[in-house]
């Protein structure tokens, strides 16, 4: 529970979207998220950063995130609601 880890109960939503849903999946912390629907939303504690990694499918490459980062793995601090978009391209 949050109390056991010294966290308050404040949570926020993380929404991950993809411009080409079939181009790849996203790993959020340790869970691989199926992006076939084009977006996914989960709730996380605000005090704990979330690691998000883009995983391109064969035939695609990861170009970057909507915030301008081109690293496949980014760390996000959840403050209220956060949305990031993974940008993929055909190889």
PDB file of N, CA and C in Angstrom:
ATOM      1  N   UNK A   1       0.833  -1.186   0.000  1.00  0.00           N
ATOM      2  CA  UNK A   1       0.000   0.000   0.000  1.00  0.00           C
ATOM      3  C   UNK A   1       0.869   1.238   0.000  1.00  0.00           C
ATOM      4  N   UNK A   2       0.263   2.372  -0.289  1.00  0.00           N
ATOM      5  CA  UNK A   2       0.982   3.639  -0.344  1.00  0.00           C
ATOM      6  C   UNK A   2       1.633   3.959   0.986  1.00  0.00           C
ATOM      7  N   UNK A   3       0.933   3.703   2.068  1.00  0.00           N
ATOM      8  CA  UNK A   3       1.451   4.024   3.398  1.00  0.00           C
ATOM      9  C   UNK A   3       2.716   3.237   3.707  1.00  0.00           C
ATOM     10  N   UNK A   4       2.753   1.966   3.304  1.00  0.00           N
ATOM     11  CA  UNK A   4       3.926   1.125   3.522  1.00  0.00           C
ATOM     12  C   UNK A   4       5.168   1.668   2.834  1.00  0.00           C
ATOM     13  N   UNK A   5       4.994   2.354   1.714  1.00  0.00           N
ATOM     14  CA  UNK A   5       6.110   2.908   0.962  1.00  0.00           C
ATOM     15  C   UNK A   5       6.347   4.386   1.261  1.00  0.00           C
ATOM     16  N   UNK A   6       5.626   4.915   2.243  1.00  0.00           N
ATOM     17  CA  UNK A   6       5.806   6.309   2.619  1.00  0.00           C
ATOM     18  C   UNK A   6       5.250   7.294   1.606  1.00  0.00           C
ATOM     19  N   UNK A   7       4.269   6.871   0.815  1.00  0.00           N
ATOM     20  CA  UNK A   7       3.650   7.738  -0.195  1.00  0.00           C
ATOM     21  C   UNK A   7       2.302   8.219   0.315  1.00  0.00           C
ATOM     22  N   UNK A   8       1.924   9.437  -0.071  1.00  0.00           N
ATOM     23  CA  UNK A   8       0.551   9.821   0.215  1.00  0.00           C
ATOM     24  C   UNK A   8      -0.323   9.193  -0.872  1.00  0.00           C
ATOM     25  N   UNK A   9      -1.593   9.351  -0.798  1.00  0.00           N
ATOM     26  CA  UNK A   9      -2.476   8.697  -1.764  1.00  0.00           C
ATOM     27  C   UNK A   9      -2.734   9.518  -3.016  1.00  0.00           C
ATOM     28  N   UNK A  10      -1.973  10.599  -3.228  1.00  0.00           N
ATOM     29  CA  UNK A  10      -2.185  11.429  -4.414  1.00  0.00           C
ATOM     30  C   UNK A  10      -1.746  10.681  -5.666  1.00  0.00           C
ATOM     31  N   UNK A  11      -2.682  10.537  -6.592  1.00  0.00           N
ATOM     32  CA  UNK A  11      -2.369   9.882  -7.857  1.00  0.00           C
ATOM     33  C   UNK A  11      -2.705  10.813  -9.010  1.00  0.00           C
ATOM     34  N   UNK A  12      -2.206  10.470 -10.160  1.00  0.00           N
ATOM     35  CA  UNK A  12      -2.510  11.205 -11.377  1.00  0.00           C
ATOM     36  C   UNK A  12      -2.581  10.231 -12.529  1.00  0.00           C
ATOM     37  N   UNK A  13      -3.182  10.675 -13.609  1.00  0.00           N
ATOM     38  CA  UNK A  13      -3.328   9.822 -14.786  1.00  0.00           C
ATOM     39  C   UNK A  13      -2.182  10.031 -15.768  1.00  0.00           C
ATOM     40  N   UNK A  14      -1.704   8.924 -16.297  1.00  0.00           N
ATOM     41  CA  UNK A  14      -0.754   8.930 -17.399  1.00  0.00           C
ATOM     42  C   UNK A  14      -1.487   8.351 -18.596  1.00  0.00           C
ATOM     43  N   UNK A  15      -1.539   9.114 -19.673  1.00  0.00           N
ATOM     44  CA  UNK A  15      -2.116   8.630 -20.924  1.00  0.00           C
ATOM     45  C   UNK A  15      -1.001   8.555 -21.950  1.00  0.00           C
ATOM     46  N   UNK A  16      -0.880   7.397 -22.592  1.00  0.00           N
ATOM     47  CA  UNK A  16       0.106   7.192 -23.647  1.00  0.00           C
ATOM     48  C   UNK A  16      -0.668   6.986 -24.938  1.00  0.00           C
ATOM     49  N   UNK A  17      -0.280   7.715 -25.978  1.00  0.00           N
ATOM     50  CA  UNK A  17      -0.912   7.573 -27.280  1.00  0.00           C
ATOM     51  C   UNK A  17       0.153   7.245 -28.322  1.00  0.00           C
ATOM     52  N   UNK A  18      -0.298   6.770 -29.462  1.00  0.00           N
ATOM     53  CA  UNK A  18       0.606   6.472 -30.566  1.00  0.00           C
ATOM     54  C   UNK A  18      -0.032   6.954 -31.853  1.00  0.00           C
ATOM     55  N   UNK A  19       0.766   7.610 -32.687  1.00  0.00           N
ATOM     56  CA  UNK A  19       0.257   8.116 -33.960  1.00  0.00           C
ATOM     57  C   UNK A  19      -0.030   6.990 -34.944  1.00  0.00           C
ATOM     58  N   UNK A  20       0.701   5.862 -34.821  1.00  0.00           N
ATOM     59  CA  UNK A  20       0.471   4.680 -35.653  1.00  0.00           C
ATOM     60  C   UNK A  20       0.347   3.492 -34.694  1.00  0.00           C
ATOM     61  N   UNK A  21      -0.863   3.154 -34.241  1.00  0.00           N
ATOM     62  CA  UNK A  21      -1.043   2.127 -33.213  1.00  0.00           C
ATOM     63  C   UNK A  21      -0.382   0.783 -33.528  1.00  0.00           C
ATOM     64  N   UNK A  22      -0.347   0.383 -34.786  1.00  0.00           N
ATOM     65  CA  UNK A  22       0.233  -0.913 -35.132  1.00  0.00           C
ATOM     66  C   UNK A  22       1.761  -0.885 -35.199  1.00  0.00           C
ATOM     67  N   UNK A  23       2.360   0.273 -35.008  1.00  0.00           N
ATOM     68  CA  UNK A  23       3.811   0.431 -35.153  1.00  0.00           C
ATOM     69  C   UNK A  23       4.604  -0.096 -33.970  1.00  0.00           C
ATOM     70  N   UNK A  24       3.969  -0.245 -32.815  1.00  0.00           N
ATOM     71  CA  UNK A  24       4.732  -0.731 -31.672  1.00  0.00           C
ATOM     72  C   UNK A  24       3.920  -0.716 -30.402  1.00  0.00           C
ATOM     73  N   UNK A  25       4.576  -1.094 -29.329  1.00  0.00           N
ATOM     74  CA  UNK A  25       3.963  -1.106 -28.009  1.00  0.00           C
ATOM     75  C   UNK A  25       4.746  -0.185 -27.091  1.00  0.00           C
ATOM     76  N   UNK A  26       4.216   0.015 -25.912  1.00  0.00           N
ATOM     77  CA  UNK A  26       4.835   0.875 -24.921  1.00  0.00           C
ATOM     78  C   UNK A  26       4.987   0.096 -23.627  1.00  0.00           C
ATOM     79  N   UNK A  27       6.172   0.183 -23.028  1.00  0.00           N
ATOM     80  CA  UNK A  27       6.360  -0.410 -21.706  1.00  0.00           C
ATOM     81  C   UNK A  27       6.252   0.719 -20.690  1.00  0.00           C
ATOM     82  N   UNK A  28       5.356   0.557 -19.719  1.00  0.00           N
ATOM     83  CA  UNK A  28       5.191   1.514 -18.624  1.00  0.00           C
ATOM     84  C   UNK A  28       5.687   0.800 -17.371  1.00  0.00           C
ATOM     85  N   UNK A  29       6.790   1.300 -16.821  1.00  0.00           N
ATOM     86  CA  UNK A  29       7.509   0.621 -15.745  1.00  0.00           C
ATOM     87  C   UNK A  29       7.849  -0.785 -16.217  1.00  0.00           C
ATOM     88  N   UNK A  30       7.198  -1.823 -15.711  1.00  0.00           N
ATOM     89  CA  UNK A  30       7.540  -3.193 -16.118  1.00  0.00           C
ATOM     90  C   UNK A  30       6.457  -3.860 -16.971  1.00  0.00           C
ATOM     91  N   UNK A  31       5.355  -3.165 -17.234  1.00  0.00           N
ATOM     92  CA  UNK A  31       4.244  -3.743 -17.992  1.00  0.00           C
ATOM     93  C   UNK A  31       4.268  -3.271 -19.441  1.00  0.00           C
ATOM     94  N   UNK A  32       4.169  -4.216 -20.371  1.00  0.00           N
ATOM     95  CA  UNK A  32       4.084  -3.864 -21.788  1.00  0.00           C
ATOM     96  C   UNK A  32       2.618  -3.628 -22.125  1.00  0.00           C
ATOM     97  N   UNK A  33       2.339  -2.442 -22.655  1.00  0.00           N
ATOM     98  CA  UNK A  33       0.983  -2.014 -22.967  1.00  0.00           C
ATOM     99  C   UNK A  33       0.700  -2.248 -24.448  1.00  0.00           C
ATOM    100  N   UNK A  34      -0.382  -2.896 -24.752  1.00  0.00           N
ATOM    101  CA  UNK A  34      -0.830  -3.099 -26.125  1.00  0.00           C
ATOM    102  C   UNK A  34      -1.407  -1.786 -26.630  1.00  0.00           C
ATOM    103  N   UNK A  35      -0.815  -1.227 -27.660  1.00  0.00           N
ATOM    104  CA  UNK A  35      -1.251   0.072 -28.178  1.00  0.00           C
ATOM    105  C   UNK A  35      -2.164  -0.054 -29.394  1.00  0.00           C
ATOM    106  N   UNK A  36      -2.711  -1.235 -29.654  1.00  0.00           N
ATOM    107  CA  UNK A  36      -3.543  -1.432 -30.849  1.00  0.00           C
ATOM    108  C   UNK A  36      -4.775  -0.529 -30.872  1.00  0.00           C
ATOM    109  N   UNK A  37      -5.225  -0.062 -29.715  1.00  0.00           N
ATOM    110  CA  UNK A  37      -6.367   0.860 -29.657  1.00  0.00           C
ATOM    111  C   UNK A  37      -5.938   2.315 -29.870  1.00  0.00           C
ATOM    112  N   UNK A  38      -4.634   2.566 -29.869  1.00  0.00           N
ATOM    113  CA  UNK A  38      -4.137   3.923 -30.104  1.00  0.00           C
ATOM    114  C   UNK A  38      -3.839   4.719 -28.855  1.00  0.00           C
ATOM    115  N   UNK A  39      -4.423   4.307 -27.709  1.00  0.00           N
ATOM    116  CA  UNK A  39      -4.112   5.013 -26.460  1.00  0.00           C
ATOM    117  C   UNK A  39      -4.365   4.096 -25.270  1.00  0.00           C
ATOM    118  N   UNK A  40      -3.772   4.479 -24.157  1.00  0.00           N
ATOM    119  CA  UNK A  40      -3.918   3.733 -22.912  1.00  0.00           C
ATOM    120  C   UNK A  40      -3.775   4.723 -21.762  1.00  0.00           C
ATOM    121  N   UNK A  41      -4.530   4.525 -20.687  1.00  0.00           N
ATOM    122  CA  UNK A  41      -4.458   5.403 -19.520  1.00  0.00           C
ATOM    123  C   UNK A  41      -4.351   4.569 -18.255  1.00  0.00           C
ATOM    124  N   UNK A  42      -3.469   4.992 -17.355  1.00  0.00           N
ATOM    125  CA  UNK A  42      -3.310   4.335 -16.063  1.00  0.00           C
ATOM    126  C   UNK A  42      -3.110   5.376 -14.976  1.00  0.00           C
ATOM    127  N   UNK A  43      -3.287   4.977 -13.724  1.00  0.00           N
ATOM    128  CA  UNK A  43      -3.114   5.870 -12.571  1.00  0.00           C
ATOM    129  C   UNK A  43      -1.850   5.495 -11.822  1.00  0.00           C
ATOM    130  N   UNK A  44      -1.091   6.523 -11.446  1.00  0.00           N
ATOM    131  CA  UNK A  44       0.175   6.324 -10.742  1.00  0.00           C
ATOM    132  C   UNK A  44       0.310   7.339  -9.625  1.00  0.00           C
ATOM    133  N   UNK A  45       1.113   6.977  -8.614  1.00  0.00           N
ATOM    134  CA  UNK A  45       1.387   7.911  -7.534  1.00  0.00           C
ATOM    135  C   UNK A  45       2.196   9.088  -8.063  1.00  0.00           C
ATOM    136  N   UNK A  46       1.841  10.281  -7.616  1.00  0.00           N
ATOM    137  CA  UNK A  46       2.515  11.486  -8.084  1.00  0.00           C
ATOM    138  C   UNK A  46       3.960  11.580  -7.613  1.00  0.00           C
ATOM    139  N   UNK A  47       4.271  10.970  -6.475  1.00  0.00           N
ATOM    140  CA  UNK A  47       5.613  11.108  -5.905  1.00  0.00           C
ATOM    141  C   UNK A  47       6.638  10.164  -6.528  1.00  0.00           C
ATOM    142  N   UNK A  48       6.182   9.248  -7.351  1.00  0.00           N
ATOM    143  CA  UNK A  48       7.069   8.237  -7.901  1.00  0.00           C
ATOM    144  C   UNK A  48       7.122   8.365  -9.416  1.00  0.00           C
ATOM    145  N   UNK A  49       8.288   8.660  -9.997  1.00  0.00           N
ATOM    146  CA  UNK A  49       8.357   8.808 -11.457  1.00  0.00           C
ATOM    147  C   UNK A  49       8.045   7.496 -12.174  1.00  0.00           C
ATOM    148  N   UNK A  50       7.492   7.621 -13.357  1.00  0.00           N
ATOM    149  CA  UNK A  50       7.107   6.469 -14.176  1.00  0.00           C
ATOM    150  C   UNK A  50       8.073   6.387 -15.357  1.00  0.00           C
ATOM    151  N   UNK A  51       8.585   5.193 -15.638  1.00  0.00           N
ATOM    152  CA  UNK A  51       9.471   4.978 -16.778  1.00  0.00           C
ATOM    153  C   UNK A  51       8.640   4.454 -17.942  1.00  0.00           C
ATOM    154  N   UNK A  52       8.762   5.114 -19.087  1.00  0.00           N
ATOM    155  CA  UNK A  52       7.998   4.766 -20.279  1.00  0.00           C
ATOM    156  C   UNK A  52       8.985   4.494 -21.416  1.00  0.00           C
ATOM    157  N   UNK A  53       8.812   3.345 -22.093  1.00  0.00           N
ATOM    158  CA  UNK A  53       9.718   2.953 -23.173  1.00  0.00           C
ATOM    159  C   UNK A  53       8.918   2.596 -24.418  1.00  0.00           C
ATOM    160  N   UNK A  54       9.323   3.151 -25.559  1.00  0.00           N
ATOM    161  CA  UNK A  54       8.702   2.810 -26.844  1.00  0.00           C
ATOM    162  C   UNK A  54       9.400   1.581 -27.415  1.00  0.00           C
ATOM    163  N   UNK A  55       8.601   0.609 -27.881  1.00  0.00           N
ATOM    164  CA  UNK A  55       9.128  -0.634 -28.436  1.00  0.00           C
ATOM    165  C   UNK A  55       8.571  -0.784 -29.855  1.00  0.00           C
ATOM    166  N   UNK A  56       9.352  -0.423 -30.878  1.00  0.00           N
ATOM    167  CA  UNK A  56       8.839  -0.521 -32.249  1.00  0.00           C
ATOM    168  C   UNK A  56       8.684  -1.976 -32.703  1.00  0.00           C
ATOM    169  N   UNK A  57       7.659  -2.215 -33.510  1.00  0.00           N
ATOM    170  CA  UNK A  57       7.466  -3.511 -34.142  1.00  0.00           C
ATOM    171  C   UNK A  57       8.374  -3.607 -35.363  1.00  0.00           C
ATOM    172  N   UNK A  58       8.635  -4.826 -35.858  1.00  0.00           N
ATOM    173  CA  UNK A  58       9.433  -4.975 -37.076  1.00  0.00           C
ATOM    174  C   UNK A  58       8.839  -4.144 -38.220  1.00  0.00           C
ATOM    175  N   UNK A  59       9.706  -3.460 -38.946  1.00  0.00           N
ATOM    176  CA  UNK A  59       9.279  -2.627 -40.064  1.00  0.00           C
ATOM    177  C   UNK A  59       9.013  -1.185 -39.683  1.00  0.00           C
ATOM    178  N   UNK A  60       9.132  -0.864 -38.394  1.00  0.00           N
ATOM    179  CA  UNK A  60       8.918   0.491 -37.902  1.00  0.00           C
ATOM    180  C   UNK A  60      10.107   0.938 -37.069  1.00  0.00           C
ATOM    181  N   UNK A  61      10.248   2.242 -36.927  1.00  0.00           N
ATOM    182  CA  UNK A  61      11.272   2.780 -36.038  1.00  0.00           C
ATOM    183  C   UNK A  61      10.638   3.849 -35.163  1.00  0.00           C
ATOM    184  N   UNK A  62      11.185   4.004 -33.987  1.00  0.00           N
ATOM    185  CA  UNK A  62      10.706   5.021 -33.068  1.00  0.00           C
ATOM    186  C   UNK A  62      11.405   6.330 -33.393  1.00  0.00           C
ATOM    187  N   UNK A  63      10.636   7.398 -33.594  1.00  0.00           N
ATOM    188  CA  UNK A  63      11.200   8.712 -33.931  1.00  0.00           C
ATOM    189  C   UNK A  63      11.350   9.616 -32.717  1.00  0.00           C
ATOM    190  N   UNK A  64      10.422   9.522 -31.776  1.00  0.00           N
ATOM    191  CA  UNK A  64      10.519  10.381 -30.602  1.00  0.00           C
ATOM    192  C   UNK A  64       9.184  10.516 -29.895  1.00  0.00           C
ATOM    193  N   UNK A  65       9.205  11.309 -28.828  1.00  0.00           N
ATOM    194  CA  UNK A  65       8.015  11.590 -28.032  1.00  0.00           C
ATOM    195  C   UNK A  65       7.503  12.974 -28.354  1.00  0.00           C
ATOM    196  N   UNK A  66       6.257  13.219 -28.025  1.00  0.00           N
ATOM    197  CA  UNK A  66       5.626  14.515 -28.306  1.00  0.00           C
ATOM    198  C   UNK A  66       6.315  15.670 -27.586  1.00  0.00           C
ATOM    199  N   UNK A  67       7.076  15.366 -26.508  1.00  0.00           N
ATOM    200  CA  UNK A  67       7.781  16.442 -25.795  1.00  0.00           C
ATOM    201  C   UNK A  67       9.108  16.804 -26.455  1.00  0.00           C
ATOM    202  N   UNK A  68       9.444  16.133 -27.563  1.00  0.00           N
ATOM    203  CA  UNK A  68      10.673  16.432 -28.292  1.00  0.00           C
ATOM    204  C   UNK A  68      11.815  15.476 -28.001  1.00  0.00           C
ATOM    205  N   UNK A  69      11.676  14.649 -26.970  1.00  0.00           N
ATOM    206  CA  UNK A  69      12.726  13.691 -26.638  1.00  0.00           C
ATOM    207  C   UNK A  69      12.787  12.601 -27.699  1.00  0.00           C
ATOM    208  N   UNK A  70      14.013  12.210 -28.074  1.00  0.00           N
ATOM    209  CA  UNK A  70      14.182  11.127 -29.040  1.00  0.00           C
ATOM    210  C   UNK A  70      14.683   9.852 -28.375  1.00  0.00           C
ATOM    211  N   UNK A  71      14.875   9.879 -27.059  1.00  0.00           N
ATOM    212  CA  UNK A  71      15.262   8.671 -26.328  1.00  0.00           C
ATOM    213  C   UNK A  71      14.063   7.731 -26.265  1.00  0.00           C
ATOM    214  N   UNK A  72      14.293   6.446 -26.496  1.00  0.00           N
ATOM    215  CA  UNK A  72      13.190   5.484 -26.449  1.00  0.00           C
ATOM    216  C   UNK A  72      12.613   5.382 -25.044  1.00  0.00           C
ATOM    217  N   UNK A  73      13.451   5.575 -24.032  1.00  0.00           N
ATOM    218  CA  UNK A  73      13.005   5.496 -22.640  1.00  0.00           C
ATOM    219  C   UNK A  73      13.044   6.874 -22.000  1.00  0.00           C
ATOM    220  N   UNK A  74      11.922   7.268 -21.419  1.00  0.00           N
ATOM    221  CA  UNK A  74      11.845   8.547 -20.707  1.00  0.00           C
ATOM    222  C   UNK A  74      11.262   8.312 -19.322  1.00  0.00           C
ATOM    223  N   UNK A  75      11.546   9.234 -18.435  1.00  0.00           N
ATOM    224  CA  UNK A  75      10.993   9.179 -17.083  1.00  0.00           C
ATOM    225  C   UNK A  75      10.021  10.341 -16.939  1.00  0.00           C
ATOM    226  N   UNK A  76       8.832  10.049 -16.412  1.00  0.00           N
ATOM    227  CA  UNK A  76       7.777  11.053 -16.326  1.00  0.00           C
ATOM    228  C   UNK A  76       7.343  11.217 -14.881  1.00  0.00           C
ATOM    229  N   UNK A  77       7.287  12.451 -14.445  1.00  0.00           N
ATOM    230  CA  UNK A  77       6.735  12.755 -13.126  1.00  0.00           C
ATOM    231  C   UNK A  77       5.258  13.053 -13.323  1.00  0.00           C
ATOM    232  N   UNK A  78       4.397  12.337 -12.625  1.00  0.00           N
ATOM    233  CA  UNK A  78       2.958  12.510 -12.780  1.00  0.00           C
ATOM    234  C   UNK A  78       2.501  13.650 -11.878  1.00  0.00           C
ATOM    235  N   UNK A  79       2.052  14.717 -12.483  1.00  0.00           N
ATOM    236  CA  UNK A  79       1.509  15.867 -11.748  1.00  0.00           C
ATOM    237  C   UNK A  79       0.108  16.124 -12.289  1.00  0.00           C
ATOM    238  N   UNK A  80      -0.879  15.504 -11.696  1.00  0.00           N
ATOM    239  CA  UNK A  80      -2.231  15.640 -12.230  1.00  0.00           C
ATOM    240  C   UNK A  80      -2.388  14.674 -13.386  1.00  0.00           C
ATOM    241  N   UNK A  81      -2.602  15.189 -14.576  1.00  0.00           N
ATOM    242  CA  UNK A  81      -2.737  14.361 -15.760  1.00  0.00           C
ATOM    243  C   UNK A  81      -1.631  14.658 -16.752  1.00  0.00           C
ATOM    244  N   UNK A  82      -1.002  13.616 -17.269  1.00  0.00           N
ATOM    245  CA  UNK A  82       0.086  13.755 -18.231  1.00  0.00           C
ATOM    246  C   UNK A  82      -0.241  12.896 -19.445  1.00  0.00           C
ATOM    247  N   UNK A  83      -0.055  13.455 -20.639  1.00  0.00           N
ATOM    248  CA  UNK A  83      -0.224  12.694 -21.872  1.00  0.00           C
ATOM    249  C   UNK A  83       1.057  12.776 -22.682  1.00  0.00           C
ATOM    250  N   UNK A  84       1.539  11.628 -23.153  1.00  0.00           N
ATOM    251  CA  UNK A  84       2.695  11.589 -24.046  1.00  0.00           C
ATOM    252  C   UNK A  84       2.304  10.796 -25.286  1.00  0.00           C
ATOM    253  N   UNK A  85       2.823  11.223 -26.409  1.00  0.00           N
ATOM    254  CA  UNK A  85       2.541  10.562 -27.673  1.00  0.00           C
ATOM    255  C   UNK A  85       3.836   9.989 -28.236  1.00  0.00           C
ATOM    256  N   UNK A  86       3.813   8.684 -28.560  1.00  0.00           N
ATOM    257  CA  UNK A  86       4.955   8.030 -29.187  1.00  0.00           C
ATOM    258  C   UNK A  86       4.817   8.189 -30.692  1.00  0.00           C
ATOM    259  N   UNK A  87       5.872   8.701 -31.316  1.00  0.00           N
ATOM    260  CA  UNK A  87       5.859   8.920 -32.767  1.00  0.00           C
ATOM    261  C   UNK A  87       6.714   7.846 -33.422  1.00  0.00           C
ATOM    262  N   UNK A  88       6.071   7.038 -34.264  1.00  0.00           N
ATOM    263  CA  UNK A  88       6.745   5.979 -35.007  1.00  0.00           C
ATOM    264  C   UNK A  88       6.716   6.322 -36.493  1.00  0.00           C
ATOM    265  N   UNK A  89       7.573   5.649 -37.255  1.00  0.00           N
ATOM    266  CA  UNK A  89       7.644   5.847 -38.691  1.00  0.00           C
ATOM    267  C   UNK A  89       7.965   4.495 -39.325  1.00  0.00           C
ATOM    268  N   UNK A  90       7.521   4.295 -40.559  1.00  0.00           N
ATOM    269  CA  UNK A  90       7.894   3.063 -41.283  1.00  0.00           C
ATOM    270  C   UNK A  90       9.369   3.147 -41.643  1.00  0.00           C
ATOM    271  N   UNK A  91      10.033   1.989 -41.569  1.00  0.00           N
ATOM    272  CA  UNK A  91      11.452   1.956 -41.951  1.00  0.00           C
ATOM    273  C   UNK A  91      11.591   2.008 -43.450  1.00  0.00           C
TER     274      UNK A  91
END
